[in-house]
Protein backbone atom coordinates (compact mmCIF):
# COMPACT_ATOMS: atom_id res chain seq x y z
CA MET A 1 -17.59 22.64 36.90
CA ASP A 2 -16.00 25.86 35.59
CA ALA A 3 -13.52 23.81 33.59
CA HIS A 4 -16.33 21.95 31.83
CA LEU A 5 -18.20 25.22 31.11
CA ARG A 6 -15.02 26.80 29.76
CA LYS A 7 -14.45 23.83 27.46
CA TRP A 8 -18.00 23.92 26.09
CA ARG A 9 -17.85 27.70 25.69
CA MET A 10 -14.71 27.32 23.56
CA ILE A 11 -16.27 24.51 21.51
CA LEU A 12 -19.61 26.28 20.91
CA GLY A 13 -18.01 29.59 19.99
CA GLY A 14 -19.96 32.00 22.18
CA GLU A 15 -22.96 32.51 19.96
CA GLN A 16 -26.27 33.56 21.53
CA ASN A 17 -27.49 30.00 21.82
CA ASP A 18 -24.37 28.41 23.26
CA GLY A 19 -26.26 28.00 26.56
CA THR A 20 -23.23 28.19 28.84
CA GLY A 21 -23.41 31.79 30.07
CA TYR A 22 -19.67 31.54 30.69
CA SER A 23 -17.41 34.58 30.29
CA LEU A 24 -13.87 34.04 29.05
CA GLY A 25 -10.77 35.67 30.48
CA ASP A 26 -8.40 37.78 28.38
CA THR A 27 -6.15 34.86 27.32
CA ASP A 28 -9.09 32.61 26.53
CA LEU A 29 -10.66 35.39 24.46
CA GLN A 30 -7.48 35.58 22.36
CA ILE A 31 -7.51 31.81 21.89
CA ASP A 32 -11.20 32.00 20.96
CA LYS A 33 -10.52 34.68 18.34
CA THR A 34 -7.69 32.61 16.90
CA LEU A 35 -9.97 29.60 16.52
CA GLU A 36 -12.82 31.77 15.22
CA ALA A 37 -10.63 33.24 12.47
CA LEU A 38 -10.05 29.77 11.09
CA TYR A 39 -13.09 27.67 11.87
CA ASP A 40 -15.80 30.37 11.64
CA ALA A 41 -14.23 31.91 8.55
CA GLU A 42 -17.14 31.21 6.20
CA ARG A 43 -19.54 33.17 8.39
CA LYS A 44 -17.27 35.96 9.56
CA GLY A 45 -14.71 36.48 6.83
CA GLY A 46 -11.87 34.88 8.75
CA LEU A 47 -8.29 35.61 7.78
CA GLY A 48 -8.66 35.78 4.03
CA PRO A 49 -5.77 34.80 1.77
CA SER A 50 -4.48 38.36 1.47
CA SER A 51 -5.19 39.46 5.03
CA PRO A 52 -2.36 41.31 6.81
CA ASN A 53 -3.45 39.46 9.97
CA VAL A 54 -2.23 36.07 8.70
CA SER A 55 1.30 36.64 10.01
CA ARG A 56 -0.01 37.57 13.46
CA TRP A 57 -2.40 34.61 13.39
CA LEU A 58 0.50 32.25 12.69
CA GLY A 59 2.30 33.68 15.70
CA ASP A 60 -0.82 33.43 17.85
CA ILE A 61 -1.41 29.74 17.20
CA ARG A 62 2.20 29.01 18.13
CA THR A 63 1.71 30.98 21.35
CA TYR A 64 -1.49 29.31 22.46
CA PHE A 65 -1.26 25.76 21.13
CA PRO A 66 1.28 22.88 21.23
CA ASN A 67 3.23 22.00 18.08
CA THR A 68 1.01 19.05 17.22
CA VAL A 69 -2.07 21.31 17.20
CA VAL A 70 -0.21 24.08 15.34
CA LYS A 71 0.51 21.71 12.48
CA VAL A 72 -3.14 20.61 12.28
CA MET A 73 -4.33 24.23 12.22
CA GLN A 74 -1.83 25.19 9.52
CA GLN A 75 -3.04 22.33 7.34
CA ASP A 76 -6.66 23.28 8.02
CA ALA A 77 -5.90 26.88 7.06
CA LEU A 78 -4.41 25.80 3.76
CA LYS A 79 -7.46 23.65 2.99
CA ARG A 80 -10.29 25.80 4.37
CA LEU A 81 -9.06 29.28 3.52
CA ASN A 82 -6.97 28.63 0.41
CA LEU A 83 -3.97 30.22 2.10
CA THR A 84 -1.34 28.88 -0.29
CA SER A 85 -0.56 32.52 -1.03
CA MET A 86 0.74 32.88 2.53
CA LEU A 87 3.59 30.58 1.56
CA LEU A 88 4.67 33.00 -1.15
CA GLU A 89 5.47 35.78 1.32
CA LYS A 90 8.82 35.84 3.11
CA GLU A 91 7.41 37.13 6.41
CA MET A 92 4.78 34.40 6.40
CA LEU A 93 7.31 31.61 5.87
CA GLU A 94 9.40 32.90 8.75
CA ASN A 95 6.44 32.41 11.12
CA VAL A 96 5.36 28.95 9.95
CA GLU A 97 6.04 25.87 12.10
CA PRO A 98 7.76 23.58 9.55
CA ASP A 99 6.76 19.95 9.02
CA VAL A 100 6.67 17.47 6.14
CA HIS A 101 3.25 18.68 5.00
CA LEU A 102 4.47 22.26 4.69
CA VAL A 103 7.54 21.05 2.79
CA ALA A 104 5.25 19.15 0.42
CA THR A 105 3.29 22.35 -0.17
CA LEU A 106 6.48 24.31 -0.82
CA MET A 107 7.64 21.64 -3.26
CA SER A 108 4.36 21.89 -5.16
CA LEU A 109 4.81 25.68 -5.33
CA SER A 110 8.55 25.64 -6.03
CA ARG A 111 8.12 26.84 -9.61
CA VAL A 112 6.05 29.88 -8.64
CA ILE A 113 7.70 31.02 -5.41
CA PRO A 114 9.12 34.53 -6.00
CA SER A 115 12.89 34.91 -6.05
CA LYS A 116 12.84 37.01 -2.86
CA THR A 117 11.16 34.14 -1.02
CA LYS A 118 13.15 31.16 -2.33
CA ASP A 119 15.98 31.51 0.19
CA THR A 120 13.47 31.59 3.04
CA ALA A 121 11.63 28.59 1.61
CA ARG A 122 14.91 26.68 1.45
CA GLN A 123 15.61 27.56 5.08
CA VAL A 124 12.20 26.16 6.06
CA VAL A 125 12.85 22.97 4.09
CA ARG A 126 16.35 22.65 5.54
CA ARG A 127 14.97 22.82 9.10
CA VAL A 128 12.67 19.90 8.38
CA VAL A 129 15.37 17.93 6.53
CA GLU A 130 17.93 18.38 9.31
CA ASP A 131 15.41 17.31 11.94
CA LEU A 132 14.50 14.18 9.97
CA MET A 133 18.15 13.36 9.27
CA LYS A 134 18.90 13.44 13.01
CA LYS A 135 16.07 10.99 13.68
CA LEU A 136 16.53 8.63 10.73
CA ALA A 137 20.20 8.59 9.70
CA GLN A 138 21.70 6.48 12.50
CA PRO A 139 19.07 3.68 12.54
CA THR A 140 19.22 3.47 8.75
CA GLN A 141 23.00 3.21 8.63
CA GLN A 142 23.11 0.66 11.46
CA ALA A 143 20.40 -1.56 10.00
CA ILE A 144 21.82 -1.62 6.49
CA ALA A 145 25.48 -1.98 7.51
CA GLY A 146 24.61 -4.85 9.83
CA SER A 147 22.76 -6.73 7.09
CA LEU A 148 25.74 -6.52 4.73
CA ASN A 149 28.66 -7.25 7.07
CA ARG A 150 28.15 -11.01 6.89
CA SER A 151 28.89 -11.12 3.17
CA THR A 152 32.33 -9.49 3.17
CA ARG A 153 34.70 -12.34 4.08
CA ASN A 154 36.56 -14.32 1.47
CA ARG A 155 37.18 -17.98 2.48
CA ARG A 156 39.28 -18.93 -0.58
CA PRO A 157 41.75 -16.07 -0.88
CA ARG A 158 44.71 -15.85 -3.17
CA HIS A 159 48.13 -15.34 -1.50
CA ASN A 160 47.98 -11.53 -1.76
CA GLU A 161 44.42 -11.48 -0.37
CA ILE A 162 45.14 -13.36 2.89
CA ASN A 163 44.29 -11.62 6.13
CA TRP A 164 47.23 -13.02 8.10
CA ARG A 165 46.11 -11.90 11.56
CA SER A 166 42.66 -13.51 11.21
CA THR A 167 44.18 -16.61 9.58
CA ILE A 168 46.69 -17.11 12.44
CA LEU A 169 44.01 -16.68 15.11
CA LYS A 170 41.74 -19.14 13.33
CA ASN A 171 44.49 -21.80 13.15
CA LEU A 172 46.14 -21.57 16.57
CA LYS A 173 44.77 -25.00 17.40
CA HIS A 174 47.00 -26.36 14.62
CA TYR A 175 50.20 -25.04 16.19
CA GLN A 176 53.23 -27.37 15.69
CA PRO A 177 55.65 -26.96 18.67
CA GLU A 178 58.56 -28.72 16.99
CA TYR A 179 58.41 -26.34 14.02
CA LYS A 180 57.23 -23.31 16.04
CA THR A 181 54.57 -22.54 13.46
CA ILE A 182 50.96 -23.30 12.59
CA ILE A 183 49.37 -25.25 9.77
CA PRO A 184 46.94 -22.84 8.04
CA GLU A 185 44.16 -25.30 7.31
CA THR A 186 41.68 -22.44 7.08
CA ARG A 187 42.70 -19.32 5.23
CA ILE A 188 40.76 -16.09 5.72
CA GLY A 189 40.96 -13.32 3.19
CA TYR A 190 39.84 -9.74 3.03
CA GLY A 191 36.43 -9.04 1.51
CA LYS A 192 36.34 -8.53 -2.21
CA ARG A 193 37.08 -4.96 -3.07
CA ARG A 194 34.05 -3.94 -5.05
CA ARG A 195 32.45 -0.60 -5.71
CA SER A 196 29.42 -1.73 -3.72
CA LEU A 197 27.91 -4.92 -2.40
CA LYS A 198 24.33 -4.04 -3.32
CA ASP A 199 22.51 -1.57 -5.54
CA VAL A 200 19.34 0.25 -4.49
CA VAL A 201 17.01 2.15 -6.82
CA LEU A 202 14.35 4.36 -5.25
CA CYS A 203 11.68 5.01 -7.90
CA ILE A 204 9.20 7.56 -6.59
CA ASP A 205 5.84 8.75 -7.87
CA GLN A 206 5.81 12.55 -7.59
CA SER A 207 2.09 13.03 -8.19
CA GLY A 208 0.49 15.42 -5.69
CA SER A 209 -0.93 12.70 -3.45
CA MET A 210 2.57 11.29 -2.80
CA GLY A 211 4.07 14.51 -1.39
CA THR A 212 5.11 13.36 2.09
CA SER A 213 6.32 10.03 0.70
CA VAL A 214 8.65 11.90 -1.66
CA ILE A 215 10.11 13.86 1.26
CA TYR A 216 10.87 10.80 3.35
CA SER A 217 12.25 9.02 0.28
CA GLY A 218 14.62 11.90 -0.36
CA ILE A 219 15.87 11.78 3.23
CA PHE A 220 16.43 8.02 3.17
CA GLY A 221 18.03 8.24 -0.27
CA ALA A 222 20.53 10.79 1.02
CA VAL A 223 21.37 8.61 4.02
CA MET A 224 21.84 5.47 1.93
CA ALA A 225 23.98 7.36 -0.56
CA SER A 226 26.45 7.96 2.28
CA ILE A 227 26.87 4.20 2.91
CA PRO A 228 29.80 2.86 0.84
CA ALA A 229 28.49 -0.71 0.80
CA ILE A 230 25.51 0.20 -1.37
CA GLN A 231 25.09 2.25 -4.51
CA THR A 232 21.89 4.28 -4.38
CA ARG A 233 19.98 5.79 -7.28
CA MET A 234 16.93 8.04 -6.92
CA VAL A 235 14.41 8.47 -9.72
CA VAL A 236 11.21 10.51 -9.60
CA PHE A 237 8.45 10.43 -12.17
CA ASP A 238 5.07 11.71 -13.28
CA THR A 239 4.53 11.55 -17.05
CA SER A 240 8.29 12.00 -17.44
CA VAL A 241 11.28 10.65 -15.53
CA VAL A 242 13.99 12.63 -13.73
CA ASP A 243 17.12 11.03 -12.27
CA LEU A 244 18.05 12.95 -9.10
CA THR A 245 20.95 10.71 -8.07
CA GLU A 246 23.48 13.52 -8.43
CA GLU A 247 21.51 15.59 -5.89
CA LEU A 248 21.57 12.97 -3.13
CA ASP A 249 24.43 14.72 -1.35
CA ASP A 250 22.12 17.73 -0.77
CA PRO A 251 18.58 16.58 0.08
CA VAL A 252 17.28 20.16 0.19
CA GLU A 253 18.23 20.81 -3.42
CA LEU A 254 16.98 17.33 -4.26
CA LEU A 255 13.53 18.12 -2.89
CA PHE A 256 13.42 21.40 -4.79
CA GLY A 257 14.17 19.37 -7.91
CA VAL A 258 10.87 17.53 -7.44
CA GLN A 259 7.75 18.93 -9.10
CA LEU A 260 4.72 17.55 -7.29
CA GLY A 261 1.54 17.13 -9.30
CA GLY A 262 0.75 16.07 -12.83
CA GLY A 263 -0.02 12.68 -14.30
CA THR A 264 1.57 9.29 -13.72
CA ASP A 265 3.40 6.92 -16.09
CA ILE A 266 4.72 4.06 -13.98
CA ASN A 267 5.65 1.98 -17.02
CA LEU A 268 7.94 4.75 -18.30
CA ALA A 269 9.62 4.94 -14.89
CA LEU A 270 10.14 1.17 -14.71
CA THR A 271 11.54 1.21 -18.23
CA TYR A 272 14.14 3.77 -17.19
CA CYS A 273 15.00 1.80 -14.04
CA GLN A 274 15.48 -1.34 -16.12
CA GLN A 275 18.01 0.54 -18.25
CA ILE A 276 20.12 1.72 -15.31
CA ILE A 277 20.14 -1.60 -13.40
CA GLN A 278 23.48 -3.31 -14.10
CA ARG A 279 23.43 -6.14 -11.53
CA PRO A 280 19.85 -7.45 -11.34
CA ALA A 281 20.56 -10.19 -8.79
CA ASP A 282 22.18 -7.65 -6.44
CA THR A 283 19.60 -4.88 -6.88
CA VAL A 284 16.65 -3.84 -4.73
CA LEU A 285 14.12 -1.67 -6.58
CA VAL A 286 11.76 0.18 -4.24
CA LEU A 287 8.80 1.52 -6.22
CA ILE A 288 6.89 4.08 -4.14
CA THR A 289 3.51 4.71 -5.74
CA ASP A 290 -0.22 4.28 -5.23
CA LEU A 291 -0.21 2.25 -8.49
CA TYR A 292 -2.76 4.48 -10.23
CA GLU A 293 -1.29 4.19 -13.74
CA GLY A 294 -2.00 7.02 -16.17
CA GLY A 295 -0.42 5.11 -19.03
CA SER A 296 -0.86 1.46 -19.95
CA ASP A 297 -1.61 -0.97 -17.12
CA ILE A 298 -0.72 -3.87 -19.44
CA GLU A 299 2.72 -2.47 -20.30
CA MET A 300 3.43 -1.57 -16.68
CA ARG A 301 2.62 -5.11 -15.59
CA LYS A 302 4.81 -6.58 -18.32
CA ARG A 303 7.71 -4.38 -17.22
CA ALA A 304 7.31 -5.42 -13.58
CA LYS A 305 7.28 -9.08 -14.59
CA THR A 306 10.42 -8.63 -16.71
CA LEU A 307 12.28 -7.04 -13.82
CA THR A 308 11.38 -9.81 -11.36
CA GLU A 309 12.25 -12.52 -13.87
CA ALA A 310 15.67 -10.88 -14.34
CA GLY A 311 16.33 -11.33 -10.60
CA VAL A 312 15.63 -7.80 -9.39
CA GLN A 313 14.09 -7.71 -5.92
CA VAL A 314 11.12 -5.37 -6.38
CA VAL A 315 9.23 -3.89 -3.43
CA VAL A 316 6.15 -1.68 -3.89
CA LEU A 317 5.41 0.83 -1.14
CA LEU A 318 1.92 2.30 -1.47
CA ALA A 319 3.05 5.10 0.86
CA LEU A 320 6.07 6.04 2.97
CA ASN A 321 4.57 8.23 5.68
CA ASP A 322 2.67 8.22 8.97
CA GLU A 323 -0.73 8.96 7.48
CA GLY A 324 -2.39 5.53 7.72
CA ALA A 325 -3.91 3.31 5.04
CA PRO A 326 -3.49 4.89 1.59
CA SER A 327 -5.80 4.90 -1.40
CA TYR A 328 -4.37 2.72 -4.20
CA ASP A 329 -5.24 0.75 -7.34
CA HIS A 330 -6.32 -2.64 -6.01
CA GLY A 331 -6.15 -4.39 -9.39
CA ASN A 332 -2.54 -3.45 -10.02
CA ALA A 333 -1.64 -4.24 -6.41
CA GLU A 334 -3.11 -7.72 -6.75
CA TYR A 335 -1.18 -8.33 -9.96
CA MET A 336 2.09 -7.20 -8.37
CA ALA A 337 1.45 -9.54 -5.44
CA SER A 338 0.80 -12.41 -7.86
CA LEU A 339 4.36 -11.92 -9.15
CA GLY A 340 5.68 -12.31 -5.62
CA ILE A 341 6.27 -8.57 -5.26
CA PRO A 342 5.52 -7.35 -1.71
CA VAL A 343 2.94 -4.53 -1.74
CA PHE A 344 2.25 -2.54 1.45
CA ALA A 345 2.41 0.86 3.08
CA CYS A 346 5.40 1.60 5.31
CA THR A 347 5.97 4.11 8.07
CA PRO A 348 9.30 5.98 8.15
CA ASP A 349 10.41 4.36 11.41
CA LYS A 350 10.12 0.90 9.80
CA PHE A 351 11.95 1.77 6.57
CA PRO A 352 15.53 1.13 7.83
CA ASP A 353 14.61 -2.40 8.90
CA LEU A 354 12.75 -2.93 5.63
CA MET A 355 15.86 -2.08 3.62
CA ALA A 356 18.02 -4.28 5.85
CA ALA A 357 15.62 -7.18 5.29
CA ALA A 358 15.49 -6.61 1.53
CA LEU A 359 19.26 -6.33 1.16
CA SER A 360 19.71 -9.61 3.03
CA LYS A 361 17.06 -11.23 0.77
CA GLN A 362 14.55 -12.00 3.49
CA ASP A 363 10.91 -12.72 2.66
CA ILE A 364 9.58 -9.15 2.70
CA THR A 365 5.92 -10.14 2.68
CA MET A 366 6.48 -12.18 5.84
CA TRP A 367 8.52 -9.33 7.33
CA ALA A 368 5.71 -6.81 6.65
CA ALA A 369 3.11 -9.12 8.18
CA LYS A 370 5.28 -9.55 11.29
CA GLU A 371 5.64 -5.78 11.60
CA ASP A 372 1.86 -5.37 11.21
CA LEU A 373 2.21 -2.98 8.26
CA VAL A 374 -0.69 -2.15 5.96
CA THR A 375 -0.47 -4.80 3.26
CA ARG A 376 -2.42 -5.19 0.04
CA LYS A 377 -5.78 -6.87 0.56
């Protein structure tokens, strides 16, 4: 009974009419004050964006609540109390529990963060990046490498390309005892030595609504850039286009090169991608955007059609995050689908298998349906 009263006392906030008559202990009173500072802020003043208590409050929520709740409360504080200023203070950043949402906020503020705080902000971003790399790097590398291994053997090699060990093993059944040799009916050569087997272009909308998708894209781009069998390019856009390929070896600097917010010109981004694609039939273009075009819908659609007709495998991801069904332009999504371009939202844990399927030229629409991903409707 006491447990139920305690719960309702915490929910109702202890006002005169809460009806419980329950008195909280010292620890529960501290938890209650922490909740009150955030969720009763409009009535009682709360933390306030310049309050010296913000740093202590950040420490309190980490003391009294699990990480999953801490992240929710941080996001609520940013929204309800306009606490973006807390991210501009070094001591505040040091007390924040980092996650992709915080990194997205830091990215949006990267141009205004004071010099004294930038190193701390980078440390926060690096913590998130390193955690994500640990979780995502190995499955990505395994999935992509496995999908490409089948295409490396050469069955009609020239003399200097013959893999003699594999050729001998393959032809042992043709051994001739009288000559003490084999007849090499089947010759096996080494794979063609090429710069890469496949090309991947990640083309990412950096408008404010795509923040967490940009972060995951940067992580996956960095991982794929480390795989010799594919050549990876990363392009971000709003009303202009920035090629961040040279930053893929340092995803932290890459993310700080992104400027979240602003308009959207998907056609301009696709035009740039078309210019850098050298092997259309061996290229996967992943366009990550909600398809809300700030420029010309007609020109964007023409560009998408041109790319698919050239043989580029285009995939549109409406989101790359764990946040559920996204808002998107249904008209443009329907047109993309009419071209045979798969259009759906993807969670980060599914992205490695998505890339493996795309690189091996599987039917991505069927793959997405099988994985129960949020497809265009």
